[in-house]
Amino acid sequence: MLCSERRPDAAFVAVVLTNGDSNSGEMALYEASEGRQAGITFLTVAAEPWLDRYVLSAIASFPHQHNMIVADSYAALSSSEHVRDIVDAICNSQQLHAFVYT
C-alpha cells in the first residue's frame, strides 16, 4: 500500500530506536520536523547510557516527554513488558503514552 493510499483512520508512526547519540543532531531534528509536517507521529525508543535527551525529546512528537521510551539497556528493551509497552504505544498512537524506565 502506498502512503497516499493509507486508511484515513490509520496513523503514520515512526519508531526511532537509538542509543541516543546522534552523529548529526541538527539533521535528525530537521528530518523529524519534515516527517511531522507529513503527518508522521514519532515515538523515540532509547537505551542508556548514550543519551542525548535534548535530541531524543525533540524528535519525539508532542508532548515530547510522553512519546519517548528510555530503558537502562538494549537487553532491558527486549523484556516482554517493554515490548508490550512499545506495541501498545504504536497501536494507540493517536494518544501515545509515556514510558520512561530507570
PDB file of N, CA and C in Angstrom:
ATOM      1  N   MET A   1       0.841  -1.163   0.000  1.00  0.00           N
ATOM      2  CA  MET A   1       0.000   0.000   0.000  1.00  0.00           C
ATOM      3  C   MET A   1       0.893   1.235   0.000  1.00  0.00           C
ATOM      4  N   LEU A   2       0.643   2.145  -0.905  1.00  0.00           N
ATOM      5  CA  LEU A   2       1.389   3.399  -0.947  1.00  0.00           C
ATOM      6  C   LEU A   2       0.903   4.320   0.156  1.00  0.00           C
ATOM      7  N   CYS A   3       1.781   5.204   0.582  1.00  0.00           N
ATOM      8  CA  CYS A   3       1.409   6.144   1.643  1.00  0.00           C
ATOM      9  C   CYS A   3       0.162   6.931   1.285  1.00  0.00           C
ATOM     10  N   SER A   4       0.015   7.295   0.027  1.00  0.00           N
ATOM     11  CA  SER A   4      -1.143   8.077  -0.380  1.00  0.00           C
ATOM     12  C   SER A   4      -2.418   7.242  -0.375  1.00  0.00           C
ATOM     13  N   GLU A   5      -2.278   5.908  -0.243  1.00  0.00           N
ATOM     14  CA  GLU A   5      -3.430   5.020  -0.244  1.00  0.00           C
ATOM     15  C   GLU A   5      -3.756   4.479   1.138  1.00  0.00           C
ATOM     16  N   ARG A   6      -3.188   5.052   2.166  1.00  0.00           N
ATOM     17  CA  ARG A   6      -3.395   4.523   3.505  1.00  0.00           C
ATOM     18  C   ARG A   6      -4.823   4.747   3.961  1.00  0.00           C
ATOM     19  N   ARG A   7      -5.243   3.930   4.927  1.00  0.00           N
ATOM     20  CA  ARG A   7      -6.569   4.102   5.520  1.00  0.00           C
ATOM     21  C   ARG A   7      -6.614   5.445   6.222  1.00  0.00           C
ATOM     22  N   PRO A   8      -7.696   6.196   6.075  1.00  0.00           N
ATOM     23  CA  PRO A   8      -7.758   7.505   6.717  1.00  0.00           C
ATOM     24  C   PRO A   8      -7.755   7.430   8.240  1.00  0.00           C
ATOM     25  N   ASP A   9      -8.167   6.301   8.803  1.00  0.00           N
ATOM     26  CA  ASP A   9      -8.193   6.161  10.262  1.00  0.00           C
ATOM     27  C   ASP A   9      -6.901   5.579  10.823  1.00  0.00           C
ATOM     28  N   ALA A  10      -5.930   5.282   9.956  1.00  0.00           N
ATOM     29  CA  ALA A  10      -4.663   4.697  10.401  1.00  0.00           C
ATOM     30  C   ALA A  10      -3.617   5.799  10.558  1.00  0.00           C
ATOM     31  N   ALA A  11      -2.909   5.764  11.659  1.00  0.00           N
ATOM     32  CA  ALA A  11      -1.874   6.762  11.920  1.00  0.00           C
ATOM     33  C   ALA A  11      -0.560   6.356  11.273  1.00  0.00           C
ATOM     34  N   PHE A  12       0.215   7.345  10.875  1.00  0.00           N
ATOM     35  CA  PHE A  12       1.597   7.129  10.450  1.00  0.00           C
ATOM     36  C   PHE A  12       2.438   7.236  11.703  1.00  0.00           C
ATOM     37  N   VAL A  13       3.168   6.179  12.014  1.00  0.00           N
ATOM     38  CA  VAL A  13       4.004   6.182  13.206  1.00  0.00           C
ATOM     39  C   VAL A  13       5.411   5.746  12.812  1.00  0.00           C
ATOM     40  N   ALA A  14       6.396   6.527  13.237  1.00  0.00           N
ATOM     41  CA  ALA A  14       7.795   6.165  13.048  1.00  0.00           C
ATOM     42  C   ALA A  14       8.383   5.892  14.423  1.00  0.00           C
ATOM     43  N   VAL A  15       8.998   4.729  14.559  1.00  0.00           N
ATOM     44  CA  VAL A  15       9.667   4.383  15.808  1.00  0.00           C
ATOM     45  C   VAL A  15      11.162   4.557  15.571  1.00  0.00           C
ATOM     46  N   VAL A  16      11.758   5.446  16.340  1.00  0.00           N
ATOM     47  CA  VAL A  16      13.192   5.716  16.231  1.00  0.00           C
ATOM     48  C   VAL A  16      13.871   4.977  17.375  1.00  0.00           C
ATOM     49  N   LEU A  17      14.588   3.913  17.039  1.00  0.00           N
ATOM     50  CA  LEU A  17      15.319   3.111  18.026  1.00  0.00           C
ATOM     51  C   LEU A  17      16.777   3.541  17.968  1.00  0.00           C
ATOM     52  N   THR A  18      17.298   4.015  19.095  1.00  0.00           N
ATOM     53  CA  THR A  18      18.630   4.610  19.078  1.00  0.00           C
ATOM     54  C   THR A  18      19.344   4.405  20.399  1.00  0.00           C
ATOM     55  N   ASN A  19      20.649   4.630  20.357  1.00  0.00           N
ATOM     56  CA  ASN A  19      21.398   4.683  21.601  1.00  0.00           C
ATOM     57  C   ASN A  19      21.377   6.105  22.148  1.00  0.00           C
ATOM     58  N   GLY A  20      20.673   7.007  21.453  1.00  0.00           N
ATOM     59  CA  GLY A  20      20.505   8.372  21.923  1.00  0.00           C
ATOM     60  C   GLY A  20      21.652   9.291  21.594  1.00  0.00           C
ATOM     61  N   ASP A  21      22.592   8.850  20.777  1.00  0.00           N
ATOM     62  CA  ASP A  21      23.744   9.662  20.414  1.00  0.00           C
ATOM     63  C   ASP A  21      23.731   9.842  18.903  1.00  0.00           C
ATOM     64  N   SER A  22      23.446  11.051  18.446  1.00  0.00           N
ATOM     65  CA  SER A  22      23.329  11.322  17.019  1.00  0.00           C
ATOM     66  C   SER A  22      24.643  11.832  16.448  1.00  0.00           C
ATOM     67  N   ASN A  23      24.965  11.373  15.242  1.00  0.00           N
ATOM     68  CA  ASN A  23      26.124  11.917  14.534  1.00  0.00           C
ATOM     69  C   ASN A  23      25.834  13.333  14.052  1.00  0.00           C
ATOM     70  N   SER A  24      24.560  13.612  13.800  1.00  0.00           N
ATOM     71  CA  SER A  24      24.153  14.934  13.327  1.00  0.00           C
ATOM     72  C   SER A  24      22.794  15.264  13.927  1.00  0.00           C
ATOM     73  N   GLY A  25      22.815  15.828  15.117  1.00  0.00           N
ATOM     74  CA  GLY A  25      21.577  16.191  15.797  1.00  0.00           C
ATOM     75  C   GLY A  25      20.734  17.152  14.989  1.00  0.00           C
ATOM     76  N   GLU A  26      21.386  18.118  14.318  1.00  0.00           N
ATOM     77  CA  GLU A  26      20.642  19.083  13.513  1.00  0.00           C
ATOM     78  C   GLU A  26      19.895  18.397  12.382  1.00  0.00           C
ATOM     79  N   MET A  27      20.533  17.445  11.722  1.00  0.00           N
ATOM     80  CA  MET A  27      19.882  16.730  10.624  1.00  0.00           C
ATOM     81  C   MET A  27      18.734  15.875  11.153  1.00  0.00           C
ATOM     82  N   ALA A  28      18.934  15.221  12.300  1.00  0.00           N
ATOM     83  CA  ALA A  28      17.872  14.413  12.892  1.00  0.00           C
ATOM     84  C   ALA A  28      16.658  15.270  13.219  1.00  0.00           C
ATOM     85  N   LEU A  29      16.885  16.461  13.768  1.00  0.00           N
ATOM     86  CA  LEU A  29      15.785  17.361  14.095  1.00  0.00           C
ATOM     87  C   LEU A  29      15.080  17.855  12.832  1.00  0.00           C
ATOM     88  N   TYR A  30      15.842  18.144  11.797  1.00  0.00           N
ATOM     89  CA  TYR A  30      15.265  18.580  10.527  1.00  0.00           C
ATOM     90  C   TYR A  30      14.376  17.476   9.936  1.00  0.00           C
ATOM     91  N   GLU A  31      14.899  16.252   9.887  1.00  0.00           N
ATOM     92  CA  GLU A  31      14.139  15.131   9.316  1.00  0.00           C
ATOM     93  C   GLU A  31      12.867  14.862  10.120  1.00  0.00           C
ATOM     94  N   ALA A  32      12.952  14.940  11.439  1.00  0.00           N
ATOM     95  CA  ALA A  32      11.765  14.741  12.275  1.00  0.00           C
ATOM     96  C   ALA A  32      10.734  15.829  12.017  1.00  0.00           C
ATOM     97  N   SER A  33      11.190  17.051  11.854  1.00  0.00           N
ATOM     98  CA  SER A  33      10.280  18.159  11.556  1.00  0.00           C
ATOM     99  C   SER A  33       9.577  17.940  10.225  1.00  0.00           C
ATOM    100  N   GLU A  34      10.319  17.525   9.227  1.00  0.00           N
ATOM    101  CA  GLU A  34       9.735  17.237   7.919  1.00  0.00           C
ATOM    102  C   GLU A  34       8.713  16.098   8.025  1.00  0.00           C
ATOM    103  N   GLY A  35       9.039  15.085   8.804  1.00  0.00           N
ATOM    104  CA  GLY A  35       8.126  13.962   8.989  1.00  0.00           C
ATOM    105  C   GLY A  35       6.841  14.377   9.677  1.00  0.00           C
ATOM    106  N   ARG A  36       6.963  15.206  10.713  1.00  0.00           N
ATOM    107  CA  ARG A  36       5.756  15.689  11.410  1.00  0.00           C
ATOM    108  C   ARG A  36       4.867  16.493  10.476  1.00  0.00           C
ATOM    109  N   GLN A  37       5.470  17.305   9.609  1.00  0.00           N
ATOM    110  CA  GLN A  37       4.686  18.073   8.644  1.00  0.00           C
ATOM    111  C   GLN A  37       3.943  17.152   7.680  1.00  0.00           C
ATOM    112  N   ALA A  38       4.474  15.964   7.460  1.00  0.00           N
ATOM    113  CA  ALA A  38       3.832  14.981   6.594  1.00  0.00           C
ATOM    114  C   ALA A  38       2.814  14.135   7.362  1.00  0.00           C
ATOM    115  N   GLY A  39       2.636  14.418   8.656  1.00  0.00           N
ATOM    116  CA  GLY A  39       1.629  13.710   9.434  1.00  0.00           C
ATOM    117  C   GLY A  39       2.131  12.485  10.174  1.00  0.00           C
ATOM    118  N   ILE A  40       3.436  12.353  10.316  1.00  0.00           N
ATOM    119  CA  ILE A  40       4.012  11.201  11.000  1.00  0.00           C
ATOM    120  C   ILE A  40       4.135  11.497  12.493  1.00  0.00           C
ATOM    121  N   THR A  41       3.717  10.550  13.320  1.00  0.00           N
ATOM    122  CA  THR A  41       3.914  10.623  14.763  1.00  0.00           C
ATOM    123  C   THR A  41       5.209   9.895  15.084  1.00  0.00           C
ATOM    124  N   PHE A  42       6.083  10.519  15.860  1.00  0.00           N
ATOM    125  CA  PHE A  42       7.364   9.923  16.204  1.00  0.00           C
ATOM    126  C   PHE A  42       7.379   9.432  17.637  1.00  0.00           C
ATOM    127  N   LEU A  43       7.747   8.179  17.802  1.00  0.00           N
ATOM    128  CA  LEU A  43       7.974   7.564  19.102  1.00  0.00           C
ATOM    129  C   LEU A  43       9.460   7.252  19.160  1.00  0.00           C
ATOM    130  N   THR A  44      10.161   7.793  20.150  1.00  0.00           N
ATOM    131  CA  THR A  44      11.586   7.503  20.274  1.00  0.00           C
ATOM    132  C   THR A  44      11.797   6.469  21.365  1.00  0.00           C
ATOM    133  N   VAL A  45      12.655   5.512  21.063  1.00  0.00           N
ATOM    134  CA  VAL A  45      12.985   4.428  21.979  1.00  0.00           C
ATOM    135  C   VAL A  45      14.501   4.407  22.101  1.00  0.00           C
ATOM    136  N   ALA A  46      14.995   4.544  23.327  1.00  0.00           N
ATOM    137  CA  ALA A  46      16.439   4.633  23.519  1.00  0.00           C
ATOM    138  C   ALA A  46      16.890   3.815  24.709  1.00  0.00           C
ATOM    139  N   ALA A  47      18.157   3.456  24.665  1.00  0.00           N
ATOM    140  CA  ALA A  47      18.776   2.714  25.766  1.00  0.00           C
ATOM    141  C   ALA A  47      19.922   3.548  26.322  1.00  0.00           C
ATOM    142  N   GLU A  48      20.003   3.595  27.635  1.00  0.00           N
ATOM    143  CA  GLU A  48      21.099   4.287  28.311  1.00  0.00           C
ATOM    144  C   GLU A  48      22.391   3.540  27.993  1.00  0.00           C
ATOM    145  N   PRO A  49      23.535   4.042  28.182  1.00  0.00           N
ATOM    146  CA  PRO A  49      23.848   5.317  28.793  1.00  0.00           C
ATOM    147  C   PRO A  49      24.120   6.414  27.774  1.00  0.00           C
ATOM    148  N   TRP A  50      24.014   6.133  26.488  1.00  0.00           N
ATOM    149  CA  TRP A  50      24.414   7.094  25.454  1.00  0.00           C
ATOM    150  C   TRP A  50      23.260   8.005  25.061  1.00  0.00           C
ATOM    151  N   LEU A  51      22.730   8.768  25.987  1.00  0.00           N
ATOM    152  CA  LEU A  51      21.542   9.556  25.697  1.00  0.00           C
ATOM    153  C   LEU A  51      21.831  11.038  25.511  1.00  0.00           C
ATOM    154  N   ASP A  52      21.372  11.554  24.400  1.00  0.00           N
ATOM    155  CA  ASP A  52      21.282  12.991  24.195  1.00  0.00           C
ATOM    156  C   ASP A  52      19.795  13.283  24.340  1.00  0.00           C
ATOM    157  N   ARG A  53      19.366  13.528  25.563  1.00  0.00           N
ATOM    158  CA  ARG A  53      17.925  13.674  25.837  1.00  0.00           C
ATOM    159  C   ARG A  53      17.309  14.850  25.088  1.00  0.00           C
ATOM    160  N   TYR A  54      18.068  15.879  24.798  1.00  0.00           N
ATOM    161  CA  TYR A  54      17.516  17.016  24.058  1.00  0.00           C
ATOM    162  C   TYR A  54      17.062  16.561  22.671  1.00  0.00           C
ATOM    163  N   VAL A  55      17.962  15.920  21.924  1.00  0.00           N
ATOM    164  CA  VAL A  55      17.628  15.468  20.580  1.00  0.00           C
ATOM    165  C   VAL A  55      16.547  14.392  20.648  1.00  0.00           C
ATOM    166  N   LEU A  56      16.656  13.490  21.587  1.00  0.00           N
ATOM    167  CA  LEU A  56      15.676  12.422  21.727  1.00  0.00           C
ATOM    168  C   LEU A  56      14.275  12.976  21.957  1.00  0.00           C
ATOM    169  N   SER A  57      14.145  13.942  22.847  1.00  0.00           N
ATOM    170  CA  SER A  57      12.827  14.501  23.126  1.00  0.00           C
ATOM    171  C   SER A  57      12.355  15.410  21.995  1.00  0.00           C
ATOM    172  N   ALA A  58      13.278  16.056  21.304  1.00  0.00           N
ATOM    173  CA  ALA A  58      12.898  16.930  20.195  1.00  0.00           C
ATOM    174  C   ALA A  58      12.410  16.132  18.988  1.00  0.00           C
ATOM    175  N   ILE A  59      12.906  14.928  18.818  1.00  0.00           N
ATOM    176  CA  ILE A  59      12.434  14.071  17.728  1.00  0.00           C
ATOM    177  C   ILE A  59      11.046  13.528  18.058  1.00  0.00           C
ATOM    178  N   ALA A  60      10.823  13.173  19.300  1.00  0.00           N
ATOM    179  CA  ALA A  60       9.531  12.611  19.716  1.00  0.00           C
ATOM    180  C   ALA A  60       8.420  13.621  19.477  1.00  0.00           C
ATOM    181  N   SER A  61       7.267  13.122  19.070  1.00  0.00           N
ATOM    182  CA  SER A  61       6.119  14.000  18.838  1.00  0.00           C
ATOM    183  C   SER A  61       5.637  14.609  20.139  1.00  0.00           C
ATOM    184  N   PHE A  62       4.957  15.737  20.019  1.00  0.00           N
ATOM    185  CA  PHE A  62       4.435  16.450  21.176  1.00  0.00           C
ATOM    186  C   PHE A  62       3.285  15.669  21.801  1.00  0.00           C
ATOM    187  N   PRO A  63       3.196  15.616  23.102  1.00  0.00           N
ATOM    188  CA  PRO A  63       4.145  16.135  24.083  1.00  0.00           C
ATOM    189  C   PRO A  63       5.365  15.221  24.170  1.00  0.00           C
ATOM    190  N   HIS A  64       6.532  15.807  24.035  1.00  0.00           N
ATOM    191  CA  HIS A  64       7.777  15.063  23.885  1.00  0.00           C
ATOM    192  C   HIS A  64       8.009  14.057  24.998  1.00  0.00           C
ATOM    193  N   GLN A  65       7.793  14.468  26.223  1.00  0.00           N
ATOM    194  CA  GLN A  65       8.080  13.572  27.341  1.00  0.00           C
ATOM    195  C   GLN A  65       7.145  12.365  27.353  1.00  0.00           C
ATOM    196  N   HIS A  66       6.037  12.427  26.620  1.00  0.00           N
ATOM    197  CA  HIS A  66       5.095  11.318  26.590  1.00  0.00           C
ATOM    198  C   HIS A  66       5.325  10.382  25.416  1.00  0.00           C
ATOM    199  N   ASN A  67       6.203  10.757  24.526  1.00  0.00           N
ATOM    200  CA  ASN A  67       6.412   9.959  23.325  1.00  0.00           C
ATOM    201  C   ASN A  67       7.823   9.428  23.188  1.00  0.00           C
ATOM    202  N   MET A  68       8.440   9.187  24.332  1.00  0.00           N
ATOM    203  CA  MET A  68       9.756   8.553  24.314  1.00  0.00           C
ATOM    204  C   MET A  68       9.817   7.486  25.396  1.00  0.00           C
ATOM    205  N   ILE A  69      10.486   6.408  25.045  1.00  0.00           N
ATOM    206  CA  ILE A  69      10.694   5.287  25.954  1.00  0.00           C
ATOM    207  C   ILE A  69      12.194   5.197  26.180  1.00  0.00           C
ATOM    208  N   VAL A  70      12.590   5.182  27.435  1.00  0.00           N
ATOM    209  CA  VAL A  70      14.009   5.080  27.773  1.00  0.00           C
ATOM    210  C   VAL A  70      14.188   3.884  28.701  1.00  0.00           C
ATOM    211  N   ALA A  71      15.102   2.999  28.343  1.00  0.00           N
ATOM    212  CA  ALA A  71      15.398   1.825  29.159  1.00  0.00           C
ATOM    213  C   ALA A  71      16.858   1.859  29.584  1.00  0.00           C
ATOM    214  N   ASP A  72      17.175   1.064  30.577  1.00  0.00           N
ATOM    215  CA  ASP A  72      18.549   1.006  31.085  1.00  0.00           C
ATOM    216  C   ASP A  72      19.531   0.433  30.067  1.00  0.00           C
ATOM    217  N   SER A  73      19.044  -0.460  29.190  1.00  0.00           N
ATOM    218  CA  SER A  73      19.921  -1.121  28.220  1.00  0.00           C
ATOM    219  C   SER A  73      19.079  -1.696  27.091  1.00  0.00           C
ATOM    220  N   TYR A  74      19.750  -2.101  26.014  1.00  0.00           N
ATOM    221  CA  TYR A  74      19.027  -2.767  24.926  1.00  0.00           C
ATOM    222  C   TYR A  74      18.454  -4.093  25.412  1.00  0.00           C
ATOM    223  N   ALA A  75      19.152  -4.771  26.283  1.00  0.00           N
ATOM    224  CA  ALA A  75      18.641  -6.031  26.830  1.00  0.00           C
ATOM    225  C   ALA A  75      17.333  -5.788  27.571  1.00  0.00           C
ATOM    226  N   ALA A  76      17.245  -4.690  28.298  1.00  0.00           N
ATOM    227  CA  ALA A  76      16.014  -4.364  29.028  1.00  0.00           C
ATOM    228  C   ALA A  76      14.865  -4.085  28.062  1.00  0.00           C
ATOM    229  N   LEU A  77      15.163  -3.508  26.900  1.00  0.00           N
ATOM    230  CA  LEU A  77      14.109  -3.238  25.924  1.00  0.00           C
ATOM    231  C   LEU A  77      13.463  -4.516  25.401  1.00  0.00           C
ATOM    232  N   SER A  78      14.198  -5.617  25.415  1.00  0.00           N
ATOM    233  CA  SER A  78      13.661  -6.859  24.880  1.00  0.00           C
ATOM    234  C   SER A  78      12.769  -7.612  25.868  1.00  0.00           C
ATOM    235  N   SER A  79      12.632  -7.108  27.079  1.00  0.00           N
ATOM    236  CA  SER A  79      11.742  -7.773  28.033  1.00  0.00           C
ATOM    237  C   SER A  79      10.315  -7.692  27.522  1.00  0.00           C
ATOM    238  N   SER A  80       9.518  -8.688  27.871  1.00  0.00           N
ATOM    239  CA  SER A  80       8.146  -8.727  27.367  1.00  0.00           C
ATOM    240  C   SER A  80       7.359  -7.499  27.795  1.00  0.00           C
ATOM    241  N   GLU A  81       7.650  -6.955  28.968  1.00  0.00           N
ATOM    242  CA  GLU A  81       6.945  -5.763  29.436  1.00  0.00           C
ATOM    243  C   GLU A  81       7.235  -4.566  28.533  1.00  0.00           C
ATOM    244  N   HIS A  82       8.508  -4.348  28.212  1.00  0.00           N
ATOM    245  CA  HIS A  82       8.874  -3.214  27.369  1.00  0.00           C
ATOM    246  C   HIS A  82       8.342  -3.389  25.952  1.00  0.00           C
ATOM    247  N   VAL A  83       8.435  -4.606  25.432  1.00  0.00           N
ATOM    248  CA  VAL A  83       7.912  -4.875  24.088  1.00  0.00           C
ATOM    249  C   VAL A  83       6.421  -4.588  24.050  1.00  0.00           C
ATOM    250  N   ARG A  84       5.702  -5.035  25.046  1.00  0.00           N
ATOM    251  CA  ARG A  84       4.258  -4.791  25.118  1.00  0.00           C
ATOM    252  C   ARG A  84       3.986  -3.285  25.184  1.00  0.00           C
ATOM    253  N   ASP A  85       4.755  -2.548  25.963  1.00  0.00           N
ATOM    254  CA  ASP A  85       4.570  -1.103  26.074  1.00  0.00           C
ATOM    255  C   ASP A  85       4.816  -0.406  24.736  1.00  0.00           C
ATOM    256  N   ILE A  86       5.845  -0.834  24.025  1.00  0.00           N
ATOM    257  CA  ILE A  86       6.148  -0.244  22.719  1.00  0.00           C
ATOM    258  C   ILE A  86       5.014  -0.541  21.736  1.00  0.00           C
ATOM    259  N   VAL A  87       4.572  -1.787  21.702  1.00  0.00           N
ATOM    260  CA  VAL A  87       3.461  -2.162  20.815  1.00  0.00           C
ATOM    261  C   VAL A  87       2.208  -1.373  21.170  1.00  0.00           C
ATOM    262  N   ASP A  88       1.897  -1.270  22.451  1.00  0.00           N
ATOM    263  CA  ASP A  88       0.724  -0.501  22.874  1.00  0.00           C
ATOM    264  C   ASP A  88       0.841   0.958  22.448  1.00  0.00           C
ATOM    265  N   ALA A  89       2.024   1.534  22.590  1.00  0.00           N
ATOM    266  CA  ALA A  89       2.215   2.933  22.206  1.00  0.00           C
ATOM    267  C   ALA A  89       2.007   3.116  20.707  1.00  0.00           C
ATOM    268  N   ILE A  90       2.510   2.174  19.922  1.00  0.00           N
ATOM    269  CA  ILE A  90       2.347   2.266  18.467  1.00  0.00           C
ATOM    270  C   ILE A  90       0.880   2.091  18.085  1.00  0.00           C
ATOM    271  N   CYS A  91       0.236   1.101  18.647  1.00  0.00           N
ATOM    272  CA  CYS A  91      -1.160   0.811  18.292  1.00  0.00           C
ATOM    273  C   CYS A  91      -2.113   1.894  18.774  1.00  0.00           C
ATOM    274  N   ASN A  92      -1.743   2.611  19.792  1.00  0.00           N
ATOM    275  CA  ASN A  92      -2.562   3.698  20.318  1.00  0.00           C
ATOM    276  C   ASN A  92      -1.928   5.036  20.004  1.00  0.00           C
ATOM    277  N   SER A  93      -1.325   5.164  18.832  1.00  0.00           N
ATOM    278  CA  SER A  93      -0.512   6.334  18.525  1.00  0.00           C
ATOM    279  C   SER A  93      -1.304   7.628  18.453  1.00  0.00           C
ATOM    280  N   GLN A  94      -2.612   7.566  18.380  1.00  0.00           N
ATOM    281  CA  GLN A  94      -3.385   8.796  18.427  1.00  0.00           C
ATOM    282  C   GLN A  94      -3.185   9.456  19.778  1.00  0.00           C
ATOM    283  N   GLN A  95      -2.972   8.659  20.796  1.00  0.00           N
ATOM    284  CA  GLN A  95      -2.728   9.151  22.163  1.00  0.00           C
ATOM    285  C   GLN A  95      -1.553   8.370  22.730  1.00  0.00           C
ATOM    286  N   LEU A  96      -0.338   8.667  22.277  1.00  0.00           N
ATOM    287  CA  LEU A  96       0.839   7.957  22.775  1.00  0.00           C
ATOM    288  C   LEU A  96       1.006   8.210  24.258  1.00  0.00           C
ATOM    289  N   HIS A  97       1.480   7.204  24.973  1.00  0.00           N
ATOM    290  CA  HIS A  97       1.633   7.292  26.411  1.00  0.00           C
ATOM    291  C   HIS A  97       3.112   7.370  26.779  1.00  0.00           C
ATOM    292  N   ALA A  98       3.379   7.826  27.980  1.00  0.00           N
ATOM    293  CA  ALA A  98       4.752   7.972  28.444  1.00  0.00           C
ATOM    294  C   ALA A  98       5.226   6.691  29.089  1.00  0.00           C
ATOM    295  N   PHE A  99       6.411   6.276  28.736  1.00  0.00           N
ATOM    296  CA  PHE A  99       7.064   5.141  29.367  1.00  0.00           C
ATOM    297  C   PHE A  99       8.525   5.504  29.533  1.00  0.00           C
ATOM    298  N   VAL A 100       8.940   5.818  30.714  1.00  0.00           N
ATOM    299  CA  VAL A 100      10.346   6.115  30.985  1.00  0.00           C
ATOM    300  C   VAL A 100      10.796   5.143  32.062  1.00  0.00           C
ATOM    301  N   TYR A 101      11.721   4.264  31.711  1.00  0.00           N
ATOM    302  CA  TYR A 101      12.202   3.235  32.626  1.00  0.00           C
ATOM    303  C   TYR A 101      13.559   3.625  33.144  1.00  0.00           C
ATOM    304  N   THR A 102      13.746   3.481  34.423  1.00  0.00           N
ATOM    305  CA  THR A 102      15.054   3.776  35.012  1.00  0.00           C
ATOM    306  C   THR A 102      15.569   2.568  35.753  1.00  0.00           C
TER     307      THR A 102
END
